[in-house]
Every structure is written in structure tokens, then in C-alpha cells.
Amino acid sequence: MNKKWFRIGMVSVFILSVALRFWGLERFNTLVFDELYFAKFGNNYLTHTPFFNAHPPLSQYIIGIGIWIGSHIPFWHDTVNGLTGSLRSPWTYRWLNALTGSFIPLVVAAIAYQLSYRRSFAMLAGLFTACDGIFLVESRYALSNIYIVIFGLLGHWFFLLALDNQNRRRSFWLVFAGITFGASVGTKWNGLWFLSGAYLVWIAAWVIHLIHSFPNPKLFFTPPSSPSSQTPLQNLTQLNIFQMLFYLGIIPAFIYSIIWIPHLQLDKRYGFIAVHQEILKFHLHLGGNSPNVHPYCAAWYKWPLMTRPMAYYYQTAKSITEPLPVMGPPLPPGAGKVIYDVHAMGNPFLWWFGVAAMLFLVGMLGSQVVIFLVKEKRFSLPATLSVDTWIALYLVINYIANLLPWVEVTRCAFIYHYMCAVVFVFLAIAWFVDQCLRSYYQQLRALGVTITFIILVAFIFWMPIYLGLPLSPDDYKLRMWFNSWI
């Protein structure tokens, strides 16, 4: 793929992302799901109303800024409500999230390109990310999870850019990596797993380097010498422990700390330490992953195969022309002829194919280890495979870093907590499809085209429940393939 078509493709992906996120943004004149908290909190900062927040405050600052800007724009105020504590249009508390979420496919594509310098890989990664449902849903409402993801991904992109540069330019990008990693944690604590992924990849690179330094046995791959087959990951060992601790330790901690200043000035009941104790106490008392706690509780092992997505909004009406209530229960069973459902679920085939691709990468890494252990001698991989091995390490480690910490979490968790991990699944399936499309074998190229086509069709098929479009009961049931999805 040449540079011209790559740019056209990425611009098209961005336009698609923006259009889907802004189309009908004010459709539901109410507070959808956790907008009940985050939109209100954002407005509280504007009205100087003290409140307790169970998460770090950065995303609510941003939502508040969006409300302030949106309130000064002289259009998109046809519908208003007072549910945030002030008379606001839904557009004012949603538009900045929609715009921010539109950039996530571009950041994922930038990471893919920086990992491999392959435009086709980057293009597929951006396209697949744009074709996911839960990212579309989360971007269309005043919720916080897209900020964890975009700041965490920006941290990884800046980290890779730093590895691709030297001296002052490297320090420049490392500073930005530290800032954005801190911002991710300043949105929710699980943003810390993005930072831990960077550390684990760095540690893995040093382990590989140390094994490679031993005269016997030698590591199973040798860094390639061809410039076209390089990846910034091969420069990880150029960073020492002091650089990591300063740029990806002290700076993120400093950013996280100053993020709290406006909130603590507004709510003077708790100091910095006390507010963290209260937040921890809140999460510890949320209860376990049981339907008795919340009907949509889903433990971590239910996320990869998407066995328990959740409804953010559900209303029924007698006809499409009937206005939906701002607040209120749905019609009695059988009375509603039109269903409006906003379902927080991914693109099923994107997620399922992505998990398969991630397992393939794990198997690829495992086979190299087995070969090394069996032969007990130097085993040099081809240069291109060496780069792909580095990519596999990066994706697998970051996926594990963002998923496995939830194994020990006993509170009620939900499908949206998987968003930090699933972006690496999107990269995995994009890598796999790119390998298929670049293959000499016609069957593999056909497989790559087929997977891409299925993902695109699935996205279109389930789009009505991402956007909350009106559906008949039969059309709704057609999209609810499993009872656990309802």
C-alpha cells in the first residue's frame, strides 16, 4: 500500500468514526447508563457543587469542559433536560466524548505502523477498531472509559516513538509518554495496566538481551540488520532502569497527583490520602460478580468471548413517531411495537476472530521457545519473522497486562472493563489478516479477505443496537443470538 492510498484510507476511517459517533447524538434526551454520574459530575464542576467521586476526576473535567464549550455554541439545543443539575442539551455533555472516541482508531493504527512500518497492518488495525461496537457506544455518551483507552494508547505510541529516536528527541517523547500514562491512571485506576504493559515489555526485552549475551545457549532469534525489517521494540534495551523510573514512574505519578488538585479544592471533606481511602472502600463494598449484585455483572473470563454484554439503555414505544419519555419504565410486555436498545457489546466476529489471532500469537511464541529448548543451540529466525516475534511479544504481554489483574478483582465487574485489553486483540487480528493478505498462497489471501468481509458485515448487522435505532421485536431478537446477551 503506497502512502497516498494509506492516507486516503485513514482519512476515510476517521470520517466514518466521526459520522457514526455524531449521527443522532442527541437521540435520547436523558442520562444513559453512567451518564447519571459522569455527566452530573462534569456539570458539578461548572456549578461548583462538591461531590464524592469513586474514580479519579480527569474524565469528568473533560466532560465538564465539553459542557461549557457546547453551552456556548448557538446550535444543537433543540432538546434540553435538567437531569445534570442544570438545563442542558444532551449534545453538550456528549459531543467531546464523540470527538475523542473518533481518534482511537487513528491511534491504534499509529501504534501498528510504529511497531512494523507496514501501512497495510496499520490500515487494518484502524479499520477494525472503527468497526467495533463497544467503542462506538462508549464514545456516544458522557462516559469515562474512552479516556482511559486513548490516554493509555497515546502513552504506548509515544513510548514507541521514543524508542525510534535518540537523545533529546527520545527524552521529548518519553516525557509525553509519562504524561499520557499518568492521564490514563487519572481517569480510572485500571489505566495503570497500560503503564505496566510498557514495563513488562521492557523487562522481557532485557531478559532476551541477557540470554542472548550468554555464549551458550544463544537466544532463538538474532536482531536483523536490514533497515526495512526493524522495529522500535528492538531498541528497548537502550533504556536503563533510571530512565524508566523517571519518565514512566515519577512523571506519571506527578501528573496523577496534580490531576486531583481542582477536585480537592472543590470538595474539601477529604485530603489526597483520605479520598483514596474512600474510593478503595467504595469499590471493596460493591459486591462480587453475581447477578444478585447487578444483573449485568460479568467476571473477567466472560469478556473475551463476550458472553455477557450489557444494555445501557432500553425503551419500548408503540410506534416510531411516539416520543420517548425522558425518564420512566418501558411499556408492559407485548405493548411495545418498537424497541430502542443501546447495547454495550463488541463486534462479535471481531472479538472472536481476535481472540483466535491472539492465541495464534501465543502459539507462535511458544513454538519458538520449544524449538530453542529442544535444539539447545543457536536458532536464527528470518529477519521478517524476528520483527513479527517482537510484535507478538508486545501484543501478548500488553493483552495479559490489561486482562489478568482482573482475576484478583472481587467486586462486580462489567464488559466495558475489557476495553483496555481488547484493543490489543484488534491489533492481533489486524496482524493476522495482514499476514494472510501478504502471503504467496491464494488460500491465505482469500482467508484474509473473508475475515475482513465478515467483520465489516457484522458491524453493519449489529449497528442498530450500537446506535439505539428503532427495531421491531423480531429484528431485536434476530440480533440477540444468546440469552445471556439480553
Foldseek 3Di string as FASTA:
>chain_A
DDPVVLVVLLVVLLVLLLCLQPVCLLVFQAAWFCCLPLVLLLVCLVVLNADFDLFQCLLSVVLVVLLVVVVPDPDQPPDWDCSSVRTGRQCSSQVVLSNLLSCLLVLLLLLQCQLAVDSLLSSLLSNLSSLKQLSSLRSSHSDQLSLLQVLLSLLSSLCSQLLVDDDPSNVVSLLSSLLSLLSSCSRGVLSVLSLVLLVVLLVVLVVLVVQCPDPFAHAQADADDDPNLDHSSNSSVVDDPVSCCVSNNVSSVVNSVVSCVSSCVSHVPDDPVRSVVVSVVVQVPQAFQDVVSPVQFDALVCQLQVLAWAWRDKEFDQDPPDDDDNDDDHDPPPNGFKMFTAINTILNLLSVLLVVLLVVLVVVLVVSVVVCVVVRHHHHDPSNVVSVNSLSSSLNSSLCSQRVVSVPRGHGDHNSSNVNNCSSSSSSSSVQLVCLCPDPDPVSVVVSVVSVVSSNVSSVLCVCNSSRNIDGPVSVVVNCPDPSHD
